[in-house]
Structures are given as structure tokens and as C-alpha cells.
Amino acid sequence: MTIGRVTQADLGELLPLMRAYCDFYAVAPSDEALLGLSRALIADPEREGVQLLARDGGSVGFATIFWSWATTSAERIGVMNDLFVAPEARGKGVAEALIEACRAECAAHGAGKLTWQTAPDNATAMKLYDRIRAVREQWVDYWLPVQAEE
């Protein structure tokens, strides 16, 4: 298995994985919007973040890290906003390898920690995170649209 940063040449392989990830969460951004996100990261990895693509024969998984800061620990952090492994590649160490590659990217970027979240009903993912000794947080997420509703 190899893991590398996504480049423009990888977008054709990445898009089906991103689409499957969105399908898993029952959301439907356009392909162009997904590719726009990837292109923004490729264009400015030092300020925006990076996407990683895992290959084992073909493309089998991806992770996205966005750079941010945490006031509560006064440090730069990497936010692993996405982690997805194709169903046929699950249970083969791909997720663990992607998480380790994300940690390495964070270390190289000067981030003090890698953070992420998952859906509260994603028991499979939580078993993995517990197994690798990730620390479970106790935060509740909220969001608002940027444009005020009328």
C-alpha cells in the first residue's frame, strides 16, 4: 500500500471515493464542488490543508486534513475532516495507515495534534479510533448557514 498527497493528476481516482463518502453520509454536493475543494487544497497546501490518497493496486481510500488553530491548547492543529476507505478494502489496515499519514503531515506542518469527528452512530469507526488509542472528546457540534434565511 502507498499513501501520497493528492495531485491534479489524481482527481479522477479521488472523485469516486469522495462521492462514496458523501453517499455514506447521505449528502450530495456536485462533482464540480468536490473537485473545487480538492483543487483549493492542491493550490495552497501550506495554508489550506492536504488530501491523501491510499492505493493498493487501485485507489482504496482518502483522508482530508484542514489546518486550523486550537485556543484551548494554544497550538496549530490538523483537522481530519474526511476519512474514507472503500468497502472492499476495509479491515486491511488502510484506515490506520491513512491516520498515521495524517499524523506525519501534521508533524511536518508544526501542528501539535490531529483532531477529527465522526457521526455518533458510526460504531465501526469508533471501534477503530478506540483501538488506536485516540482520545474521545465531549463536544457537541452546531452550524448555521452563512446567508441569513428569510
N, C-alpha and C. Protein backbone atom coordinates (compact mmCIF):
# COMPACT_ATOMS: atom_id res chain seq x y z
N MET A 1 0.85 -1.18 0.00
CA MET A 1 0.00 0.00 0.00
C MET A 1 0.89 1.23 0.00
N THR A 2 0.47 2.25 -0.76
CA THR A 2 1.17 3.53 -0.75
C THR A 2 0.16 4.62 -0.42
N ILE A 3 0.66 5.66 0.22
CA ILE A 3 -0.17 6.83 0.53
C ILE A 3 0.60 8.06 0.10
N GLY A 4 -0.05 8.93 -0.64
CA GLY A 4 0.60 10.15 -1.08
C GLY A 4 -0.37 11.30 -1.15
N ARG A 5 0.16 12.49 -1.21
CA ARG A 5 -0.67 13.68 -1.37
C ARG A 5 -1.37 13.66 -2.72
N VAL A 6 -2.60 14.10 -2.73
CA VAL A 6 -3.37 14.18 -3.96
C VAL A 6 -2.80 15.30 -4.84
N THR A 7 -2.65 15.00 -6.11
CA THR A 7 -2.23 15.98 -7.10
C THR A 7 -3.35 16.13 -8.14
N GLN A 8 -3.19 17.09 -9.01
CA GLN A 8 -4.17 17.29 -10.08
C GLN A 8 -4.39 16.00 -10.87
N ALA A 9 -3.33 15.25 -11.10
CA ALA A 9 -3.42 14.01 -11.87
C ALA A 9 -4.23 12.93 -11.16
N ASP A 10 -4.43 13.05 -9.85
CA ASP A 10 -5.14 12.04 -9.06
C ASP A 10 -6.65 12.29 -8.97
N LEU A 11 -7.12 13.42 -9.44
CA LEU A 11 -8.52 13.79 -9.21
C LEU A 11 -9.51 12.79 -9.78
N GLY A 12 -9.19 12.18 -10.91
CA GLY A 12 -10.08 11.17 -11.49
C GLY A 12 -10.24 9.95 -10.60
N GLU A 13 -9.19 9.57 -9.88
CA GLU A 13 -9.25 8.45 -8.94
C GLU A 13 -9.89 8.84 -7.62
N LEU A 14 -9.68 10.09 -7.22
CA LEU A 14 -10.20 10.56 -5.94
C LEU A 14 -11.71 10.77 -5.97
N LEU A 15 -12.23 11.31 -7.06
CA LEU A 15 -13.64 11.68 -7.11
C LEU A 15 -14.59 10.53 -6.76
N PRO A 16 -14.42 9.32 -7.28
CA PRO A 16 -15.36 8.25 -6.89
C PRO A 16 -15.32 7.94 -5.39
N LEU A 17 -14.15 8.06 -4.77
CA LEU A 17 -14.06 7.85 -3.33
C LEU A 17 -14.77 8.96 -2.56
N MET A 18 -14.60 10.20 -3.02
CA MET A 18 -15.29 11.32 -2.37
C MET A 18 -16.80 11.17 -2.53
N ARG A 19 -17.24 10.74 -3.71
CA ARG A 19 -18.67 10.53 -3.95
C ARG A 19 -19.21 9.44 -3.04
N ALA A 20 -18.48 8.33 -2.88
CA ALA A 20 -18.90 7.25 -1.99
C ALA A 20 -18.97 7.73 -0.54
N TYR A 21 -18.02 8.56 -0.14
CA TYR A 21 -18.02 9.14 1.21
C TYR A 21 -19.28 9.98 1.41
N CYS A 22 -19.60 10.82 0.44
CA CYS A 22 -20.79 11.66 0.53
C CYS A 22 -22.06 10.80 0.54
N ASP A 23 -22.08 9.74 -0.26
CA ASP A 23 -23.22 8.83 -0.26
C ASP A 23 -23.41 8.20 1.12
N PHE A 24 -22.30 7.82 1.76
CA PHE A 24 -22.36 7.23 3.10
C PHE A 24 -23.06 8.16 4.08
N TYR A 25 -22.78 9.47 3.96
CA TYR A 25 -23.39 10.45 4.85
C TYR A 25 -24.67 11.06 4.28
N ALA A 26 -25.16 10.52 3.17
CA ALA A 26 -26.42 10.94 2.55
C ALA A 26 -26.44 12.43 2.23
N VAL A 27 -25.35 12.90 1.64
CA VAL A 27 -25.27 14.28 1.15
C VAL A 27 -24.88 14.23 -0.31
N ALA A 28 -25.15 15.31 -1.03
CA ALA A 28 -24.94 15.25 -2.49
C ALA A 28 -24.36 16.54 -3.08
N PRO A 29 -23.18 16.98 -2.63
CA PRO A 29 -22.56 18.11 -3.32
C PRO A 29 -22.22 17.69 -4.75
N SER A 30 -22.15 18.66 -5.64
CA SER A 30 -21.86 18.35 -7.04
C SER A 30 -20.41 17.86 -7.18
N ASP A 31 -20.17 17.12 -8.25
CA ASP A 31 -18.80 16.69 -8.54
C ASP A 31 -17.89 17.89 -8.67
N GLU A 32 -18.37 18.94 -9.33
CA GLU A 32 -17.54 20.13 -9.52
C GLU A 32 -17.19 20.79 -8.18
N ALA A 33 -18.14 20.80 -7.24
CA ALA A 33 -17.85 21.36 -5.91
C ALA A 33 -16.80 20.51 -5.19
N LEU A 34 -16.92 19.19 -5.28
CA LEU A 34 -15.93 18.32 -4.65
C LEU A 34 -14.55 18.52 -5.26
N LEU A 35 -14.50 18.59 -6.58
CA LEU A 35 -13.22 18.82 -7.24
C LEU A 35 -12.67 20.21 -6.93
N GLY A 36 -13.54 21.19 -6.76
CA GLY A 36 -13.11 22.54 -6.37
C GLY A 36 -12.43 22.53 -5.02
N LEU A 37 -12.98 21.77 -4.07
CA LEU A 37 -12.36 21.62 -2.75
C LEU A 37 -10.95 21.04 -2.91
N SER A 38 -10.85 19.96 -3.68
CA SER A 38 -9.54 19.32 -3.87
C SER A 38 -8.55 20.26 -4.55
N ARG A 39 -9.01 20.99 -5.54
CA ARG A 39 -8.12 21.91 -6.25
C ARG A 39 -7.63 23.03 -5.33
N ALA A 40 -8.48 23.50 -4.42
CA ALA A 40 -8.07 24.54 -3.46
C ALA A 40 -6.96 24.02 -2.56
N LEU A 41 -7.07 22.77 -2.13
CA LEU A 41 -6.03 22.19 -1.28
C LEU A 41 -4.74 21.98 -2.05
N ILE A 42 -4.85 21.51 -3.28
CA ILE A 42 -3.66 21.31 -4.11
C ILE A 42 -2.94 22.64 -4.34
N ALA A 43 -3.72 23.70 -4.54
CA ALA A 43 -3.14 25.01 -4.85
C ALA A 43 -2.43 25.65 -3.66
N ASP A 44 -2.85 25.35 -2.43
CA ASP A 44 -2.26 26.02 -1.27
C ASP A 44 -2.20 25.07 -0.06
N PRO A 45 -1.38 24.03 -0.15
CA PRO A 45 -1.34 23.06 0.94
C PRO A 45 -0.78 23.61 2.25
N GLU A 46 0.01 24.64 2.19
CA GLU A 46 0.59 25.20 3.42
C GLU A 46 -0.44 25.96 4.26
N ARG A 47 -1.40 26.59 3.61
CA ARG A 47 -2.41 27.34 4.36
C ARG A 47 -3.75 26.63 4.46
N GLU A 48 -4.11 25.87 3.42
CA GLU A 48 -5.43 25.26 3.39
C GLU A 48 -5.45 23.87 4.03
N GLY A 49 -4.60 22.98 3.55
CA GLY A 49 -4.58 21.60 4.02
C GLY A 49 -4.19 20.67 2.89
N VAL A 50 -4.34 19.39 3.13
CA VAL A 50 -3.95 18.40 2.12
C VAL A 50 -4.94 17.25 2.09
N GLN A 51 -4.98 16.59 0.95
CA GLN A 51 -5.71 15.34 0.83
C GLN A 51 -4.70 14.25 0.54
N LEU A 52 -4.93 13.09 1.14
CA LEU A 52 -4.06 11.94 0.96
C LEU A 52 -4.86 10.84 0.29
N LEU A 53 -4.21 10.11 -0.61
CA LEU A 53 -4.85 9.04 -1.35
C LEU A 53 -4.10 7.75 -1.07
N ALA A 54 -4.83 6.71 -0.63
CA ALA A 54 -4.23 5.40 -0.39
C ALA A 54 -4.48 4.52 -1.61
N ARG A 55 -3.42 3.85 -2.03
CA ARG A 55 -3.50 2.94 -3.18
C ARG A 55 -3.01 1.56 -2.77
N ASP A 56 -3.73 0.57 -3.20
CA ASP A 56 -3.32 -0.82 -3.01
C ASP A 56 -3.80 -1.55 -4.26
N GLY A 57 -3.01 -1.45 -5.31
CA GLY A 57 -3.48 -1.86 -6.63
C GLY A 57 -4.17 -0.67 -7.28
N GLY A 58 -5.34 -0.32 -6.80
CA GLY A 58 -6.06 0.88 -7.21
C GLY A 58 -6.25 1.79 -6.01
N SER A 59 -6.97 2.87 -6.20
CA SER A 59 -7.26 3.81 -5.11
C SER A 59 -8.29 3.18 -4.17
N VAL A 60 -7.95 3.12 -2.88
CA VAL A 60 -8.81 2.43 -1.92
C VAL A 60 -9.27 3.30 -0.75
N GLY A 61 -8.75 4.52 -0.63
CA GLY A 61 -9.17 5.36 0.48
C GLY A 61 -8.55 6.74 0.39
N PHE A 62 -9.13 7.67 1.14
CA PHE A 62 -8.57 9.02 1.18
C PHE A 62 -8.83 9.64 2.54
N ALA A 63 -8.06 10.67 2.83
CA ALA A 63 -8.24 11.48 4.04
C ALA A 63 -7.99 12.93 3.66
N THR A 64 -8.69 13.83 4.33
CA THR A 64 -8.52 15.27 4.11
C THR A 64 -8.16 15.91 5.44
N ILE A 65 -7.11 16.72 5.44
CA ILE A 65 -6.71 17.47 6.63
C ILE A 65 -6.82 18.96 6.31
N PHE A 66 -7.48 19.70 7.19
CA PHE A 66 -7.52 21.15 7.09
C PHE A 66 -6.70 21.71 8.24
N TRP A 67 -5.93 22.78 7.98
CA TRP A 67 -5.13 23.40 9.03
C TRP A 67 -5.97 24.40 9.80
N SER A 68 -5.81 24.40 11.11
CA SER A 68 -6.53 25.33 11.97
C SER A 68 -5.71 25.58 13.22
N TRP A 69 -6.32 26.22 14.19
CA TRP A 69 -5.71 26.51 15.49
C TRP A 69 -6.67 26.11 16.59
N ALA A 70 -6.14 25.77 17.75
CA ALA A 70 -6.96 25.46 18.92
C ALA A 70 -6.56 26.40 20.06
N THR A 71 -7.45 27.29 20.41
CA THR A 71 -7.18 28.21 21.51
C THR A 71 -7.04 27.45 22.83
N THR A 72 -7.82 26.38 23.00
CA THR A 72 -7.80 25.65 24.27
C THR A 72 -6.48 24.94 24.54
N SER A 73 -5.68 24.73 23.51
CA SER A 73 -4.35 24.15 23.71
C SER A 73 -3.26 25.07 23.16
N ALA A 74 -3.66 26.22 22.64
CA ALA A 74 -2.74 27.24 22.12
C ALA A 74 -1.75 26.65 21.12
N GLU A 75 -2.30 25.94 20.12
CA GLU A 75 -1.43 25.33 19.13
C GLU A 75 -2.13 25.18 17.79
N ARG A 76 -1.29 25.05 16.77
CA ARG A 76 -1.80 24.71 15.44
C ARG A 76 -2.27 23.26 15.48
N ILE A 77 -3.36 22.96 14.77
CA ILE A 77 -3.87 21.60 14.70
C ILE A 77 -4.18 21.22 13.26
N GLY A 78 -4.23 19.95 13.01
CA GLY A 78 -4.74 19.42 11.76
C GLY A 78 -6.09 18.81 12.04
N VAL A 79 -7.08 19.18 11.25
CA VAL A 79 -8.43 18.64 11.41
C VAL A 79 -8.65 17.63 10.28
N MET A 80 -8.72 16.37 10.64
CA MET A 80 -9.00 15.34 9.64
C MET A 80 -10.51 15.35 9.40
N ASN A 81 -10.90 16.13 8.40
CA ASN A 81 -12.32 16.31 8.14
C ASN A 81 -12.93 15.10 7.44
N ASP A 82 -12.12 14.37 6.70
CA ASP A 82 -12.63 13.21 5.97
C ASP A 82 -11.68 12.03 6.15
N LEU A 83 -12.24 10.86 6.32
CA LEU A 83 -11.50 9.60 6.29
C LEU A 83 -12.45 8.58 5.70
N PHE A 84 -12.06 8.01 4.57
CA PHE A 84 -12.93 7.04 3.90
C PHE A 84 -12.09 5.93 3.29
N VAL A 85 -12.54 4.70 3.48
CA VAL A 85 -11.93 3.54 2.88
C VAL A 85 -13.02 2.79 2.12
N ALA A 86 -12.73 2.43 0.88
CA ALA A 86 -13.69 1.70 0.06
C ALA A 86 -14.07 0.40 0.76
N PRO A 87 -15.34 0.00 0.67
CA PRO A 87 -15.80 -1.20 1.40
C PRO A 87 -14.94 -2.43 1.17
N GLU A 88 -14.48 -2.66 -0.06
CA GLU A 88 -13.69 -3.86 -0.35
C GLU A 88 -12.30 -3.82 0.28
N ALA A 89 -11.85 -2.67 0.76
CA ALA A 89 -10.52 -2.54 1.37
C ALA A 89 -10.57 -2.40 2.88
N ARG A 90 -11.76 -2.42 3.46
CA ARG A 90 -11.88 -2.25 4.91
C ARG A 90 -11.34 -3.47 5.65
N GLY A 91 -10.81 -3.23 6.84
CA GLY A 91 -10.27 -4.31 7.65
C GLY A 91 -8.88 -4.75 7.23
N LYS A 92 -8.25 -3.99 6.35
CA LYS A 92 -6.92 -4.36 5.85
C LYS A 92 -5.84 -3.36 6.27
N GLY A 93 -6.15 -2.47 7.21
CA GLY A 93 -5.16 -1.52 7.71
C GLY A 93 -5.09 -0.21 6.95
N VAL A 94 -5.98 0.00 5.99
CA VAL A 94 -5.94 1.23 5.20
C VAL A 94 -6.26 2.44 6.07
N ALA A 95 -7.30 2.36 6.88
CA ALA A 95 -7.68 3.50 7.72
C ALA A 95 -6.56 3.85 8.69
N GLU A 96 -5.98 2.84 9.31
CA GLU A 96 -4.88 3.09 10.25
C GLU A 96 -3.71 3.74 9.53
N ALA A 97 -3.40 3.28 8.32
CA ALA A 97 -2.29 3.86 7.56
C ALA A 97 -2.58 5.30 7.16
N LEU A 98 -3.82 5.59 6.79
CA LEU A 98 -4.19 6.97 6.46
C LEU A 98 -4.08 7.88 7.69
N ILE A 99 -4.54 7.40 8.83
CA ILE A 99 -4.44 8.20 10.06
C ILE A 99 -2.97 8.47 10.39
N GLU A 100 -2.13 7.47 10.27
CA GLU A 100 -0.70 7.67 10.54
C GLU A 100 -0.08 8.66 9.56
N ALA A 101 -0.50 8.59 8.29
CA ALA A 101 0.00 9.54 7.30
C ALA A 101 -0.48 10.95 7.63
N CYS A 102 -1.70 11.07 8.14
CA CYS A 102 -2.20 12.38 8.57
C CYS A 102 -1.38 12.92 9.75
N ARG A 103 -1.05 12.04 10.70
CA ARG A 103 -0.20 12.45 11.82
C ARG A 103 1.15 12.96 11.32
N ALA A 104 1.72 12.27 10.36
CA ALA A 104 3.02 12.68 9.81
C ALA A 104 2.90 14.04 9.12
N GLU A 105 1.82 14.27 8.38
CA GLU A 105 1.60 15.57 7.75
C GLU A 105 1.49 16.66 8.81
N CYS A 106 0.79 16.36 9.89
CA CYS A 106 0.65 17.34 10.98
C CYS A 106 1.99 17.67 11.61
N ALA A 107 2.78 16.65 11.85
CA ALA A 107 4.11 16.87 12.44
C ALA A 107 4.96 17.73 11.52
N ALA A 108 4.92 17.44 10.23
CA ALA A 108 5.72 18.21 9.27
C ALA A 108 5.24 19.65 9.16
N HIS A 109 3.96 19.88 9.45
CA HIS A 109 3.39 21.23 9.36
C HIS A 109 3.50 22.00 10.68
N GLY A 110 3.99 21.36 11.73
CA GLY A 110 4.12 22.02 13.02
C GLY A 110 2.87 21.99 13.86
N ALA A 111 1.93 21.12 13.52
CA ALA A 111 0.70 21.00 14.31
C ALA A 111 0.96 20.14 15.53
N GLY A 112 0.33 20.51 16.63
CA GLY A 112 0.51 19.78 17.88
C GLY A 112 -0.36 18.55 18.00
N LYS A 113 -1.46 18.51 17.24
CA LYS A 113 -2.31 17.33 17.28
C LYS A 113 -3.17 17.24 16.04
N LEU A 114 -3.67 16.05 15.82
CA LEU A 114 -4.62 15.74 14.76
C LEU A 114 -5.96 15.51 15.43
N THR A 115 -6.99 16.21 14.98
CA THR A 115 -8.32 16.05 15.55
C THR A 115 -9.29 15.60 14.46
N TRP A 116 -10.41 15.00 14.86
CA TRP A 116 -11.45 14.63 13.91
C TRP A 116 -12.73 14.33 14.66
N GLN A 117 -13.78 14.11 13.90
CA GLN A 117 -15.07 13.74 14.48
C GLN A 117 -15.70 12.68 13.59
N THR A 118 -16.69 12.00 14.14
CA THR A 118 -17.45 11.04 13.37
C THR A 118 -18.90 11.11 13.81
N ALA A 119 -19.76 10.54 13.02
CA ALA A 119 -21.18 10.52 13.37
C ALA A 119 -21.37 9.65 14.62
N PRO A 120 -22.29 10.04 15.50
CA PRO A 120 -22.47 9.30 16.75
C PRO A 120 -22.94 7.86 16.55
N ASP A 121 -23.47 7.53 15.38
CA ASP A 121 -23.92 6.17 15.13
C ASP A 121 -22.90 5.35 14.31
N ASN A 122 -21.71 5.90 14.08
CA ASN A 122 -20.69 5.19 13.30
C ASN A 122 -19.84 4.33 14.24
N ALA A 123 -20.45 3.26 14.72
CA ALA A 123 -19.80 2.40 15.71
C ALA A 123 -18.53 1.75 15.17
N THR A 124 -18.53 1.40 13.90
CA THR A 124 -17.34 0.77 13.31
C THR A 124 -16.14 1.69 13.39
N ALA A 125 -16.35 2.95 13.01
CA ALA A 125 -15.26 3.92 13.07
C ALA A 125 -14.80 4.14 14.51
N MET A 126 -15.75 4.24 15.43
CA MET A 126 -15.38 4.48 16.83
C MET A 126 -14.57 3.32 17.40
N LYS A 127 -14.86 2.09 16.98
CA LYS A 127 -14.06 0.95 17.44
C LYS A 127 -12.61 1.09 16.96
N LEU A 128 -12.44 1.51 15.72
CA LEU A 128 -11.09 1.75 15.20
C LEU A 128 -10.39 2.84 16.00
N TYR A 129 -11.05 3.95 16.22
CA TYR A 129 -10.43 5.07 16.93
C TYR A 129 -10.07 4.69 18.36
N ASP A 130 -10.93 3.91 19.01
CA ASP A 130 -10.62 3.44 20.35
C ASP A 130 -9.43 2.48 20.32
N ARG A 131 -9.37 1.62 19.31
CA ARG A 131 -8.28 0.65 19.19
C ARG A 131 -6.92 1.32 19.01
N ILE A 132 -6.89 2.45 18.28
CA ILE A 132 -5.60 3.13 18.09
C ILE A 132 -5.31 4.12 19.22
N ARG A 133 -6.15 4.10 20.24
CA ARG A 133 -5.99 4.91 21.45
C ARG A 133 -6.16 6.41 21.22
N ALA A 134 -7.06 6.75 20.30
CA ALA A 134 -7.40 8.16 20.12
C ALA A 134 -8.23 8.61 21.32
N VAL A 135 -8.09 9.86 21.69
CA VAL A 135 -8.81 10.41 22.84
C VAL A 135 -10.18 10.90 22.38
N ARG A 136 -11.23 10.41 23.03
CA ARG A 136 -12.59 10.81 22.68
C ARG A 136 -12.92 12.15 23.33
N GLU A 137 -13.42 13.08 22.54
CA GLU A 137 -13.81 14.40 23.03
C GLU A 137 -15.29 14.38 23.45
N GLN A 138 -15.72 15.45 24.08
CA GLN A 138 -17.09 15.53 24.58
C GLN A 138 -17.82 16.75 24.03
N TRP A 139 -17.51 17.17 22.82
CA TRP A 139 -18.10 18.36 22.23
C TRP A 139 -19.36 18.02 21.44
N VAL A 140 -20.26 18.98 21.35
CA VAL A 140 -21.47 18.86 20.54
C VAL A 140 -21.36 19.88 19.42
N ASP A 141 -21.54 19.44 18.20
CA ASP A 141 -21.39 20.32 17.04
C ASP A 141 -22.68 21.07 16.73
N TYR A 142 -22.52 22.30 16.25
CA TYR A 142 -23.61 23.12 15.74
C TYR A 142 -23.15 23.77 14.46
N TRP A 143 -24.09 24.24 13.65
CA TRP A 143 -23.73 25.02 12.47
C TRP A 143 -24.90 25.90 12.08
N LEU A 144 -24.60 26.96 11.38
CA LEU A 144 -25.59 27.88 10.80
C LEU A 144 -25.19 28.17 9.36
N PRO A 145 -26.17 28.37 8.49
CA PRO A 145 -25.80 28.82 7.14
C PRO A 145 -25.23 30.23 7.22
N VAL A 146 -24.34 30.55 6.30
CA VAL A 146 -23.72 31.87 6.29
C VAL A 146 -24.74 32.93 5.85
N GLN A 147 -25.52 32.59 4.86
CA GLN A 147 -26.55 33.52 4.39
C GLN A 147 -27.77 33.41 5.29
N ALA A 148 -28.23 34.54 5.81
CA ALA A 148 -29.39 34.54 6.69
C ALA A 148 -30.63 34.08 5.92
N GLU A 149 -31.41 33.23 6.56
CA GLU A 149 -32.66 32.76 5.95
C GLU A 149 -33.73 33.82 6.13
N GLU A 150 -34.60 33.91 5.16
CA GLU A 150 -35.67 34.91 5.24
C GLU A 150 -36.93 34.33 5.80
